[in-house]
N, C-alpha and C. Protein backbone atom coordinates (compact mmCIF):
# COMPACT_ATOMS: atom_id res chain seq x y z
N MET A 1 245.03 64.75 222.29
CA MET A 1 243.68 65.18 221.65
C MET A 1 243.80 66.49 220.82
N VAL A 2 243.36 66.45 219.57
CA VAL A 2 243.49 67.61 218.74
C VAL A 2 242.44 68.66 219.22
N THR A 3 242.88 69.83 219.30
CA THR A 3 242.06 71.02 219.81
C THR A 3 241.59 71.93 218.82
N SER A 4 242.07 71.85 217.51
CA SER A 4 241.59 72.65 216.42
C SER A 4 241.61 71.83 215.20
N SER A 5 240.88 72.22 214.16
CA SER A 5 240.62 71.41 212.94
C SER A 5 240.60 72.45 211.77
N PRO A 6 241.24 72.31 210.68
CA PRO A 6 240.92 73.15 209.43
C PRO A 6 239.49 72.66 209.00
N LEU A 7 238.66 73.53 208.76
CA LEU A 7 237.25 73.07 208.41
C LEU A 7 237.28 72.72 206.94
N SER A 8 236.69 71.50 206.73
CA SER A 8 236.73 71.03 205.43
C SER A 8 235.54 71.45 204.46
N LEU A 9 234.54 72.11 205.29
CA LEU A 9 233.43 72.72 204.48
C LEU A 9 233.14 74.09 205.12
N ALA A 10 233.97 75.02 204.84
CA ALA A 10 233.72 76.45 205.22
C ALA A 10 232.44 77.07 204.53
N ILE A 11 231.74 77.88 205.13
CA ILE A 11 230.54 78.46 204.50
C ILE A 11 230.63 79.97 204.51
N PRO A 12 230.05 80.59 203.53
CA PRO A 12 229.98 82.06 203.43
C PRO A 12 229.17 82.68 204.56
N LEU A 13 229.59 83.68 205.28
CA LEU A 13 228.79 84.31 206.35
C LEU A 13 227.59 84.90 205.76
N ASP A 14 227.63 85.49 204.60
CA ASP A 14 226.45 86.22 204.01
C ASP A 14 225.40 85.29 203.55
N ALA A 15 225.69 83.99 203.32
CA ALA A 15 224.73 83.03 202.90
C ALA A 15 223.69 82.76 203.87
N ILE A 16 223.99 82.89 205.12
CA ILE A 16 223.12 82.52 206.20
C ILE A 16 221.90 83.42 206.49
N ARG A 17 220.76 82.95 206.59
CA ARG A 17 219.59 83.70 207.01
C ARG A 17 219.42 83.75 208.56
N TYR A 18 219.67 84.75 209.22
CA TYR A 18 219.49 84.84 210.77
C TYR A 18 218.07 85.19 210.90
N ASN A 19 217.66 84.85 212.21
CA ASN A 19 216.23 85.21 212.55
C ASN A 19 216.22 86.69 212.90
N ASP A 20 214.99 87.06 213.49
CA ASP A 20 214.91 88.52 213.90
C ASP A 20 215.78 88.99 214.94
N GLN A 21 216.44 87.94 215.79
CA GLN A 21 217.34 88.25 216.82
C GLN A 21 218.78 88.10 216.33
N GLY A 22 218.94 88.00 215.01
CA GLY A 22 220.21 87.78 214.52
C GLY A 22 220.87 86.49 214.76
N LEU A 23 220.07 85.45 215.05
CA LEU A 23 220.50 84.07 215.38
C LEU A 23 220.12 82.96 214.36
N VAL A 24 220.79 81.84 214.40
CA VAL A 24 220.54 80.70 213.60
C VAL A 24 220.83 79.49 214.50
N PRO A 25 219.85 78.46 214.35
CA PRO A 25 220.06 77.26 215.17
C PRO A 25 221.24 76.56 214.58
N ALA A 26 221.94 75.85 215.42
CA ALA A 26 223.12 75.10 215.10
C ALA A 26 223.13 73.78 215.89
N ILE A 27 223.07 72.73 214.97
CA ILE A 27 222.98 71.30 215.54
C ILE A 27 224.46 70.76 215.49
N ALA A 28 224.96 70.17 216.61
CA ALA A 28 226.29 69.59 216.73
C ALA A 28 226.09 68.08 216.66
N GLN A 29 226.76 67.39 215.77
CA GLN A 29 226.63 65.92 215.54
C GLN A 29 228.09 65.37 215.55
N ASP A 30 228.15 64.22 216.24
CA ASP A 30 229.33 63.54 216.32
C ASP A 30 229.89 63.09 214.82
N TYR A 31 231.10 63.40 214.66
CA TYR A 31 231.73 63.23 213.25
C TYR A 31 231.93 61.77 212.89
N LEU A 32 231.89 60.90 213.95
CA LEU A 32 232.28 59.50 213.71
C LEU A 32 231.05 58.65 213.72
N ASP A 33 230.13 58.71 214.59
CA ASP A 33 229.02 57.81 214.56
C ASP A 33 227.62 58.58 214.38
N GLY A 34 227.63 59.87 214.04
CA GLY A 34 226.50 60.50 213.66
C GLY A 34 225.53 60.91 214.81
N THR A 35 225.92 60.71 215.99
CA THR A 35 224.97 60.93 217.23
C THR A 35 224.75 62.45 217.26
N VAL A 36 223.50 62.90 217.47
CA VAL A 36 223.12 64.31 217.66
C VAL A 36 223.44 64.63 219.11
N LEU A 37 224.23 65.61 219.28
CA LEU A 37 224.83 65.89 220.64
C LEU A 37 224.10 67.09 221.32
N MET A 38 223.77 68.05 220.53
CA MET A 38 223.12 69.19 221.10
C MET A 38 222.60 70.23 220.13
N LEU A 39 221.76 71.17 220.54
CA LEU A 39 221.26 72.16 219.74
C LEU A 39 221.60 73.53 220.44
N ALA A 40 222.32 74.43 219.70
CA ALA A 40 222.57 75.72 220.30
C ALA A 40 222.25 76.85 219.22
N TRP A 41 222.72 77.97 219.59
CA TRP A 41 222.42 79.11 218.68
C TRP A 41 223.67 79.91 218.25
N MET A 42 223.74 80.36 217.03
CA MET A 42 224.98 81.09 216.67
C MET A 42 224.56 82.46 216.06
N ASN A 43 225.34 83.42 216.23
CA ASN A 43 225.04 84.76 215.45
C ASN A 43 226.18 84.77 214.55
N ARG A 44 226.27 85.95 213.85
CA ARG A 44 227.25 86.15 212.89
C ARG A 44 228.69 86.11 213.35
N GLU A 45 228.90 86.64 214.51
CA GLU A 45 230.18 86.77 215.11
C GLU A 45 230.62 85.38 215.64
N SER A 46 229.78 84.55 216.35
CA SER A 46 230.12 83.26 216.79
C SER A 46 230.39 82.34 215.55
N LEU A 47 229.73 82.41 214.47
CA LEU A 47 229.94 81.64 213.26
C LEU A 47 231.36 82.10 212.77
N ALA A 48 231.60 83.31 212.72
CA ALA A 48 232.95 83.78 212.18
C ALA A 48 234.17 83.24 213.15
N LYS A 49 233.93 83.25 214.42
CA LYS A 49 234.94 82.74 215.34
C LYS A 49 235.10 81.23 215.15
N THR A 50 234.02 80.51 214.93
CA THR A 50 234.16 79.10 214.71
C THR A 50 234.89 78.85 213.54
N LEU A 51 234.59 79.56 212.43
CA LEU A 51 235.35 79.28 211.21
C LEU A 51 236.75 79.69 211.31
N GLU A 52 237.16 80.67 212.15
CA GLU A 52 238.54 81.15 212.31
C GLU A 52 239.32 80.10 213.21
N THR A 53 238.60 79.61 214.36
CA THR A 53 239.40 78.78 215.30
C THR A 53 239.34 77.38 215.05
N GLY A 54 238.33 76.92 214.38
CA GLY A 54 238.10 75.42 214.15
C GLY A 54 237.50 74.69 215.40
N GLN A 55 237.09 75.59 216.36
CA GLN A 55 236.26 75.11 217.50
C GLN A 55 234.87 75.81 217.50
N ALA A 56 234.01 75.17 218.21
CA ALA A 56 232.56 75.71 218.13
C ALA A 56 232.45 76.86 219.08
N TRP A 57 231.97 77.86 218.57
CA TRP A 57 231.54 79.12 219.35
C TRP A 57 230.01 79.22 219.05
N TYR A 58 229.29 79.53 220.30
CA TYR A 58 227.80 79.73 220.08
C TYR A 58 227.54 81.08 220.77
N TRP A 59 226.09 81.43 220.60
CA TRP A 59 225.71 82.68 221.22
C TRP A 59 224.85 82.22 222.47
N SER A 60 225.06 82.53 223.77
CA SER A 60 224.30 82.14 224.77
C SER A 60 223.07 83.18 224.93
N ARG A 61 221.83 82.65 224.76
CA ARG A 61 220.75 83.55 224.89
C ARG A 61 220.40 83.98 226.25
N SER A 62 220.75 83.13 227.24
CA SER A 62 220.48 83.38 228.68
C SER A 62 221.50 84.40 229.17
N ARG A 63 222.73 84.25 228.71
CA ARG A 63 223.79 85.29 229.21
C ARG A 63 223.92 86.48 228.27
N GLN A 64 223.38 86.23 227.05
CA GLN A 64 223.44 87.39 226.10
C GLN A 64 225.06 87.67 225.76
N GLU A 65 225.86 86.56 225.51
CA GLU A 65 227.21 86.73 225.28
C GLU A 65 227.69 85.64 224.40
N LEU A 66 228.88 85.73 223.83
CA LEU A 66 229.47 84.71 223.13
C LEU A 66 229.89 83.55 224.13
N TRP A 67 229.84 82.39 223.57
CA TRP A 67 230.08 81.21 224.46
C TRP A 67 230.93 80.25 223.68
N HIS A 68 232.21 80.16 224.15
CA HIS A 68 233.17 79.24 223.54
C HIS A 68 232.99 77.89 224.23
N LYS A 69 232.41 76.97 223.54
CA LYS A 69 232.13 75.59 224.20
C LYS A 69 233.37 74.99 224.61
N GLY A 70 233.32 74.52 225.93
CA GLY A 70 234.47 73.94 226.56
C GLY A 70 235.35 74.83 227.30
N ALA A 71 235.21 76.13 227.18
CA ALA A 71 236.19 77.09 227.89
C ALA A 71 236.17 76.89 229.40
N THR A 72 234.99 76.45 229.96
CA THR A 72 234.97 76.33 231.39
C THR A 72 235.16 74.81 231.74
N SER A 73 234.40 73.99 231.02
CA SER A 73 234.40 72.53 231.23
C SER A 73 235.62 71.80 230.68
N GLY A 74 236.23 72.33 229.72
CA GLY A 74 237.28 71.58 228.92
C GLY A 74 236.68 70.57 227.96
N HIS A 75 235.45 70.60 227.69
CA HIS A 75 234.83 69.77 226.65
C HIS A 75 234.58 70.55 225.44
N PHE A 76 235.71 70.89 224.81
CA PHE A 76 235.73 71.55 223.48
C PHE A 76 234.99 70.72 222.35
N GLN A 77 234.58 71.51 221.34
CA GLN A 77 234.16 70.80 220.23
C GLN A 77 234.90 71.22 219.01
N VAL A 78 235.79 70.30 218.45
CA VAL A 78 236.65 70.48 217.34
C VAL A 78 235.75 70.25 216.08
N VAL A 79 235.50 71.29 215.30
CA VAL A 79 234.71 71.17 214.16
C VAL A 79 235.41 70.52 212.81
N GLN A 80 234.83 69.51 212.45
CA GLN A 80 235.46 68.85 211.27
C GLN A 80 234.89 69.34 209.95
N SER A 81 233.64 69.68 210.02
CA SER A 81 232.86 70.30 208.79
C SER A 81 231.75 71.04 209.17
N LEU A 82 231.24 71.89 208.34
CA LEU A 82 230.04 72.84 208.61
C LEU A 82 229.19 72.91 207.50
N ARG A 83 227.77 72.76 207.68
CA ARG A 83 226.98 72.81 206.51
C ARG A 83 225.70 73.61 206.88
N TYR A 84 225.14 74.19 205.83
CA TYR A 84 223.77 74.88 206.17
C TYR A 84 222.74 74.17 205.27
N ASP A 85 221.55 74.21 205.66
CA ASP A 85 220.43 73.57 205.07
C ASP A 85 219.97 74.35 203.82
N CYS A 86 218.92 73.70 203.12
CA CYS A 86 218.49 74.12 201.85
C CYS A 86 217.79 75.57 201.92
N ASP A 87 217.48 75.99 203.11
CA ASP A 87 216.86 77.31 203.41
C ASP A 87 217.76 78.35 203.85
N SER A 88 218.96 77.77 204.20
CA SER A 88 220.18 78.67 204.68
C SER A 88 219.74 79.17 206.13
N ASP A 89 218.87 78.54 206.81
CA ASP A 89 218.46 79.17 208.14
C ASP A 89 218.74 78.11 209.28
N ALA A 90 219.51 77.20 208.99
CA ALA A 90 219.95 76.23 210.10
C ALA A 90 221.40 75.59 209.73
N LEU A 91 222.23 75.39 210.73
CA LEU A 91 223.58 74.90 210.60
C LEU A 91 223.67 73.48 211.18
N LEU A 92 224.66 72.69 210.57
CA LEU A 92 224.97 71.49 211.12
C LEU A 92 226.49 71.41 211.22
N LEU A 93 226.86 71.19 212.48
CA LEU A 93 228.40 71.02 212.82
C LEU A 93 228.67 69.58 212.96
N SER A 94 229.62 69.12 212.17
CA SER A 94 230.08 67.75 212.39
C SER A 94 231.44 67.91 213.24
N ILE A 95 231.29 67.41 214.54
CA ILE A 95 232.37 67.74 215.56
C ILE A 95 233.01 66.55 216.19
N GLU A 96 234.18 66.78 216.66
CA GLU A 96 234.87 65.85 217.56
C GLU A 96 234.61 66.51 219.03
N GLN A 97 233.87 65.78 219.82
CA GLN A 97 233.61 66.24 221.12
C GLN A 97 234.64 65.77 222.22
N VAL A 98 235.54 66.74 222.52
CA VAL A 98 236.62 66.47 223.46
C VAL A 98 235.99 66.08 224.85
N GLY A 99 236.46 64.89 225.38
CA GLY A 99 235.87 64.45 226.67
C GLY A 99 234.59 63.84 226.45
N ASP A 100 234.09 63.67 225.23
CA ASP A 100 232.84 62.92 224.99
C ASP A 100 231.72 63.39 225.76
N ILE A 101 231.64 64.55 226.34
CA ILE A 101 230.37 65.06 227.07
C ILE A 101 230.05 66.35 226.34
N ALA A 102 228.83 66.48 225.89
CA ALA A 102 228.36 67.70 225.17
C ALA A 102 227.40 68.33 226.03
N CYS A 103 226.70 67.61 226.94
CA CYS A 103 225.59 68.25 227.80
C CYS A 103 226.05 68.72 229.12
N HIS A 104 225.46 69.80 229.65
CA HIS A 104 225.76 70.28 230.86
C HIS A 104 225.53 69.42 231.99
N THR A 105 224.61 68.46 231.77
CA THR A 105 224.14 67.47 232.87
C THR A 105 225.27 66.41 233.14
N GLY A 106 226.17 66.33 232.15
CA GLY A 106 227.26 65.26 232.24
C GLY A 106 226.94 64.02 231.31
N GLU A 107 225.83 64.25 230.54
CA GLU A 107 225.53 63.23 229.54
C GLU A 107 226.29 63.50 228.25
N ARG A 108 226.40 62.37 227.45
CA ARG A 108 227.11 62.53 226.25
C ARG A 108 226.34 63.50 225.32
N SER A 109 225.03 63.23 225.21
CA SER A 109 224.08 64.18 224.39
C SER A 109 223.06 64.78 225.23
N CYS A 110 222.69 65.91 224.79
CA CYS A 110 221.52 66.69 225.38
C CYS A 110 220.15 66.00 225.09
N PHE A 111 220.16 65.05 224.10
CA PHE A 111 218.88 64.45 223.65
C PHE A 111 219.04 63.08 224.24
N HIS A 112 218.89 63.00 225.53
CA HIS A 112 218.98 61.64 226.34
C HIS A 112 217.58 61.33 227.12
N GLN A 113 216.66 62.25 226.88
CA GLN A 113 215.29 62.10 227.64
C GLN A 113 214.24 61.46 226.68
N VAL A 114 213.60 60.51 227.20
CA VAL A 114 212.39 60.02 226.73
C VAL A 114 211.43 59.78 227.74
N GLU A 115 210.21 59.56 227.31
CA GLU A 115 209.07 59.32 228.40
C GLU A 115 209.49 58.17 229.25
N GLY A 116 209.54 58.40 230.51
CA GLY A 116 209.80 57.30 231.35
C GLY A 116 211.25 57.10 231.83
N GLY A 117 212.13 57.83 231.32
CA GLY A 117 213.48 57.71 231.60
C GLY A 117 214.59 58.33 230.79
N MET A 118 215.75 57.76 230.84
CA MET A 118 216.86 58.34 230.03
C MET A 118 217.49 57.25 229.13
N VAL A 119 217.57 57.45 227.88
CA VAL A 119 218.08 56.59 226.94
C VAL A 119 218.99 57.29 225.95
N ALA A 120 220.19 56.68 225.73
CA ALA A 120 221.10 57.32 224.72
C ALA A 120 220.54 57.47 223.43
N PRO A 121 220.77 58.70 222.83
CA PRO A 121 220.24 58.73 221.46
C PRO A 121 220.80 57.78 220.53
N PRO A 122 220.23 57.42 219.40
CA PRO A 122 220.70 56.53 218.32
C PRO A 122 221.96 57.04 217.63
N ALA A 123 222.88 56.10 217.35
CA ALA A 123 224.01 56.47 216.60
C ALA A 123 223.87 55.55 215.39
N ASP A 124 224.91 55.40 214.44
CA ASP A 124 224.79 54.54 213.30
C ASP A 124 224.54 53.15 213.80
N MET A 125 224.23 52.22 212.84
CA MET A 125 223.79 50.97 213.24
C MET A 125 224.94 50.13 213.89
N LEU A 126 226.08 50.15 213.29
CA LEU A 126 227.31 49.42 213.80
C LEU A 126 227.49 49.75 215.28
N SER A 127 227.48 51.12 215.53
CA SER A 127 227.74 51.56 216.88
C SER A 127 226.60 51.04 217.87
N GLN A 128 225.48 51.00 217.41
CA GLN A 128 224.37 50.55 218.34
C GLN A 128 224.52 48.95 218.61
N VAL A 129 224.91 48.23 217.67
CA VAL A 129 225.16 46.77 217.66
C VAL A 129 226.40 46.66 218.59
N PHE A 130 227.37 47.41 218.39
CA PHE A 130 228.61 47.27 219.33
C PHE A 130 228.31 47.60 220.60
N ALA A 131 227.45 48.53 221.00
CA ALA A 131 227.12 48.76 222.42
C ALA A 131 226.43 47.56 223.00
N VAL A 132 225.58 46.90 222.20
CA VAL A 132 224.96 45.63 222.69
C VAL A 132 225.96 44.63 222.94
N VAL A 133 226.94 44.41 222.03
CA VAL A 133 227.90 43.35 222.08
C VAL A 133 228.81 43.73 223.37
N ARG A 134 229.15 44.87 223.58
CA ARG A 134 229.94 45.20 224.77
C ARG A 134 229.18 44.93 226.14
N ASP A 135 227.86 45.20 226.07
CA ASP A 135 227.00 44.96 227.21
C ASP A 135 226.98 43.54 227.51
N ARG A 136 226.87 42.61 226.40
CA ARG A 136 226.88 41.26 226.62
C ARG A 136 228.11 40.65 227.28
N ARG A 137 229.30 41.34 226.72
CA ARG A 137 230.60 40.98 227.26
C ARG A 137 230.61 41.24 228.73
N ASP A 138 230.18 42.51 229.19
CA ASP A 138 230.31 42.80 230.64
C ASP A 138 229.31 42.36 231.51
N HIS A 139 228.11 42.09 230.84
CA HIS A 139 226.85 41.53 231.69
C HIS A 139 226.39 40.24 231.06
N PRO A 140 227.12 39.15 231.14
CA PRO A 140 226.65 37.86 230.57
C PRO A 140 225.21 37.56 230.86
N GLN A 141 224.52 36.96 229.80
CA GLN A 141 223.21 36.52 230.00
C GLN A 141 223.16 35.05 229.50
N ALA A 142 222.37 34.33 230.26
CA ALA A 142 222.16 32.89 229.88
C ALA A 142 221.38 32.86 228.50
N GLY A 143 221.87 31.89 227.61
CA GLY A 143 221.14 31.76 226.45
C GLY A 143 221.53 32.68 225.32
N SER A 144 222.46 33.54 225.54
CA SER A 144 222.83 34.57 224.56
C SER A 144 223.91 34.03 223.69
N TYR A 145 223.79 34.09 222.35
CA TYR A 145 224.82 33.62 221.48
C TYR A 145 226.09 34.44 221.63
N THR A 146 225.96 35.69 221.64
CA THR A 146 227.12 36.59 221.78
C THR A 146 227.87 36.29 223.04
N CYS A 147 227.19 35.99 224.21
CA CYS A 147 227.89 35.60 225.38
C CYS A 147 228.62 34.29 225.25
N SER A 148 228.06 33.32 224.51
CA SER A 148 228.69 32.15 224.31
C SER A 148 229.97 32.24 223.60
N LEU A 149 230.01 33.27 222.78
CA LEU A 149 231.30 33.45 221.91
C LEU A 149 232.35 33.97 222.91
N PHE A 150 231.96 34.95 223.80
CA PHE A 150 232.98 35.50 224.71
C PHE A 150 233.38 34.32 225.66
N ALA A 151 232.54 33.57 226.05
CA ALA A 151 232.84 32.41 227.01
C ALA A 151 233.82 31.47 226.32
N ALA A 152 233.67 31.15 225.07
CA ALA A 152 234.54 30.29 224.34
C ALA A 152 235.93 30.73 224.11
N GLY A 153 236.04 32.11 224.07
CA GLY A 153 237.35 32.71 223.94
C GLY A 153 237.71 33.01 222.47
N ASP A 154 239.00 33.41 222.38
CA ASP A 154 239.56 33.85 221.24
C ASP A 154 239.54 32.90 220.04
N ASN A 155 239.89 31.62 220.19
CA ASN A 155 239.92 30.75 219.16
C ASN A 155 238.61 30.57 218.41
N LYS A 156 237.44 30.45 219.27
CA LYS A 156 236.09 30.31 218.76
C LYS A 156 235.72 31.57 217.96
N ILE A 157 236.11 32.70 218.60
CA ILE A 157 235.63 34.04 217.91
C ILE A 157 236.43 34.20 216.56
N LEU A 158 237.73 33.93 216.52
CA LEU A 158 238.46 34.08 215.30
C LEU A 158 238.11 33.03 214.30
N LYS A 159 237.70 31.83 214.72
CA LYS A 159 237.28 30.88 213.67
C LYS A 159 236.04 31.27 213.13
N LYS A 160 235.11 31.88 213.91
CA LYS A 160 233.87 32.39 213.26
C LYS A 160 234.04 33.44 212.20
N ILE A 161 235.04 34.45 212.51
CA ILE A 161 235.34 35.29 211.51
C ILE A 161 235.75 34.73 210.23
N GLY A 162 236.69 33.62 210.39
CA GLY A 162 237.14 32.99 209.18
C GLY A 162 236.02 32.22 208.38
N GLU A 163 235.16 31.71 209.05
CA GLU A 163 234.01 30.99 208.37
C GLU A 163 233.12 32.07 207.80
N GLU A 164 232.81 33.15 208.35
CA GLU A 164 231.88 34.23 207.93
C GLU A 164 232.60 34.90 206.64
N ALA A 165 233.85 34.99 206.73
CA ALA A 165 234.50 35.72 205.62
C ALA A 165 234.47 34.68 204.50
N ALA A 166 234.54 33.33 204.55
CA ALA A 166 234.34 32.55 203.36
C ALA A 166 233.00 32.51 202.92
N GLU A 167 232.01 32.69 203.81
CA GLU A 167 230.55 32.73 203.39
C GLU A 167 230.37 34.05 202.58
N VAL A 168 230.97 35.10 202.88
CA VAL A 168 230.93 36.30 202.13
C VAL A 168 231.38 36.16 200.68
N VAL A 169 232.67 35.49 200.62
CA VAL A 169 233.21 35.13 199.28
C VAL A 169 232.17 34.30 198.51
N MET A 170 231.72 33.19 199.09
CA MET A 170 230.83 32.31 198.38
C MET A 170 229.53 33.08 197.94
N ALA A 171 228.98 34.09 198.71
CA ALA A 171 227.75 34.69 198.50
C ALA A 171 227.95 35.65 197.19
N CYS A 172 229.30 36.31 197.21
CA CYS A 172 229.66 37.09 196.11
C CYS A 172 229.72 36.37 194.88
N LYS A 173 230.33 35.26 194.92
CA LYS A 173 230.44 34.31 193.81
C LYS A 173 229.14 34.01 193.14
N ASP A 174 228.16 33.83 194.07
CA ASP A 174 226.77 33.47 193.55
C ASP A 174 226.05 34.69 193.08
N ASP A 175 226.45 35.85 193.46
CA ASP A 175 225.98 37.04 193.03
C ASP A 175 224.52 37.30 193.27
N VAL A 176 224.17 36.90 194.56
CA VAL A 176 222.75 37.06 195.07
C VAL A 176 222.80 38.17 196.15
N ALA A 177 222.19 39.31 195.79
CA ALA A 177 222.33 40.45 196.56
C ALA A 177 221.89 40.31 198.01
N GLU A 178 220.73 39.65 198.30
CA GLU A 178 220.18 39.38 199.57
C GLU A 178 221.18 38.52 200.46
N GLU A 179 221.75 37.44 199.83
CA GLU A 179 222.66 36.58 200.49
C GLU A 179 223.95 37.28 200.84
N ILE A 180 224.42 38.15 199.88
CA ILE A 180 225.69 38.92 200.14
C ILE A 180 225.51 39.88 201.41
N ALA A 181 224.22 40.56 201.50
CA ALA A 181 224.08 41.56 202.52
C ALA A 181 223.98 40.66 203.80
N GLY A 182 223.29 39.47 203.82
CA GLY A 182 223.19 38.67 205.03
C GLY A 182 224.53 38.22 205.50
N GLU A 183 225.39 37.67 204.64
CA GLU A 183 226.61 37.16 204.98
C GLU A 183 227.59 38.27 205.42
N ALA A 184 227.58 39.37 204.76
CA ALA A 184 228.30 40.54 205.20
C ALA A 184 227.91 41.11 206.55
N ALA A 185 226.59 41.05 206.81
CA ALA A 185 226.18 41.44 208.21
C ALA A 185 226.74 40.45 209.27
N ASP A 186 226.74 39.15 209.02
CA ASP A 186 227.22 38.06 209.82
C ASP A 186 228.73 38.46 210.19
N LEU A 187 229.41 38.72 209.08
CA LEU A 187 230.99 39.06 209.22
C LEU A 187 231.21 40.18 209.99
N LEU A 188 230.46 41.26 209.84
CA LEU A 188 230.59 42.57 210.64
C LEU A 188 230.22 42.29 212.14
N PHE A 189 229.25 41.46 212.30
CA PHE A 189 228.89 41.17 213.66
C PHE A 189 230.00 40.50 214.50
N HIS A 190 230.58 39.40 213.89
CA HIS A 190 231.63 38.61 214.52
C HIS A 190 232.90 39.38 214.67
N THR A 191 233.02 40.26 213.70
CA THR A 191 234.35 41.28 213.92
C THR A 191 234.03 42.18 215.08
N LEU A 192 232.90 42.67 215.25
CA LEU A 192 232.61 43.52 216.41
C LEU A 192 232.75 42.65 217.67
N VAL A 193 232.46 41.38 217.72
CA VAL A 193 232.74 40.70 218.85
C VAL A 193 234.20 40.52 219.18
N ALA A 194 234.98 40.26 217.98
CA ALA A 194 236.48 40.15 218.12
C ALA A 194 237.14 41.37 218.67
N ILE A 195 236.75 42.61 218.21
CA ILE A 195 237.40 43.85 218.70
C ILE A 195 237.00 44.12 220.13
N ALA A 196 235.63 43.75 220.59
CA ALA A 196 235.31 44.04 221.83
C ALA A 196 236.00 42.98 222.76
N HIS A 197 236.19 41.91 222.37
CA HIS A 197 237.00 40.74 223.11
C HIS A 197 238.36 41.29 223.43
N HIS A 198 238.92 41.86 222.50
CA HIS A 198 240.52 42.53 222.63
C HIS A 198 240.47 44.00 223.14
N GLY A 199 239.25 44.52 223.51
CA GLY A 199 239.29 45.82 224.18
C GLY A 199 239.54 46.98 223.31
N VAL A 200 239.24 46.74 222.04
CA VAL A 200 239.38 47.91 220.99
C VAL A 200 238.03 48.49 220.84
N ASP A 201 238.06 49.82 220.91
CA ASP A 201 236.79 50.65 220.66
C ASP A 201 236.51 50.74 219.30
N LEU A 202 235.26 50.63 218.89
CA LEU A 202 234.79 50.85 217.45
C LEU A 202 235.25 52.18 216.98
N ARG A 203 235.22 53.23 217.82
CA ARG A 203 235.44 54.56 217.44
C ARG A 203 236.94 54.69 216.90
N ASP A 204 237.78 53.85 217.48
CA ASP A 204 239.17 53.80 217.01
C ASP A 204 239.24 53.21 215.57
N VAL A 205 238.44 52.30 215.23
CA VAL A 205 238.36 51.73 213.84
C VAL A 205 237.75 52.91 213.00
N TYR A 206 236.74 53.61 213.43
CA TYR A 206 236.24 54.69 212.63
C TYR A 206 237.39 55.69 212.35
N ARG A 207 238.08 56.05 213.36
CA ARG A 207 239.12 57.05 213.19
C ARG A 207 240.15 56.51 212.14
N LYS A 208 240.53 55.32 212.18
CA LYS A 208 241.44 54.72 211.10
C LYS A 208 240.79 54.82 209.73
N LEU A 209 239.49 54.60 209.64
CA LEU A 209 238.76 54.76 208.32
C LEU A 209 238.85 56.14 207.86
N GLN A 210 238.59 57.08 208.81
CA GLN A 210 238.46 58.57 208.54
C GLN A 210 239.88 59.01 208.03
N GLU A 211 240.96 58.54 208.69
CA GLU A 211 242.32 58.93 208.27
C GLU A 211 242.59 58.49 206.72
N ARG A 212 242.04 57.26 206.53
CA ARG A 212 242.37 56.75 205.15
C ARG A 212 241.53 57.23 204.03
N ARG A 213 240.30 57.76 204.58
CA ARG A 213 239.44 58.42 203.56
C ARG A 213 240.08 59.71 203.09
N ARG A 214 240.85 60.42 203.85
CA ARG A 214 241.54 61.51 203.45
C ARG A 214 242.52 61.35 202.34
């Protein structure tokens, strides 16, 4: 696991507008699926150390000291990019969460509470659909189309990918935007079923895309 990263979007320290306590709110967001993981605070020194080390440093208001995220738990945050908002008074950190746990409660995200219980915060749509696909794989339900694919096995799943790919080609040939979107959605769904069937994590696919994007 990488423990430091050169920041692709460094920011000038003097551009940030700190509050009366010399602090600025900092939101940490997963760099692959966009999940909001936590909200903390930074001062000028912690921001400088973040830029210097490539790992997230915050200011602990309760302890009144610098806080290197992960120093005790091992759940470091490797910063991929850093942005500030239009008013220069809030920060957004795009991070790789080492250990996949950002919250001190042991949850992936601090934003897991809703009225009546605990629900994982939303990620991008592909990740949300993939979570449902894996749940159907692990907890089969009668009447579920997704479960029927898993039950039929590899040949059926791969055949569907071939059929849906051909449908995408035909929709593109017809040049009808709504049909292209629908067939592409079908192809993506059946591809998610295939990678779940073979035990591949969607985040690994995202990592490959991120590597190629560079």
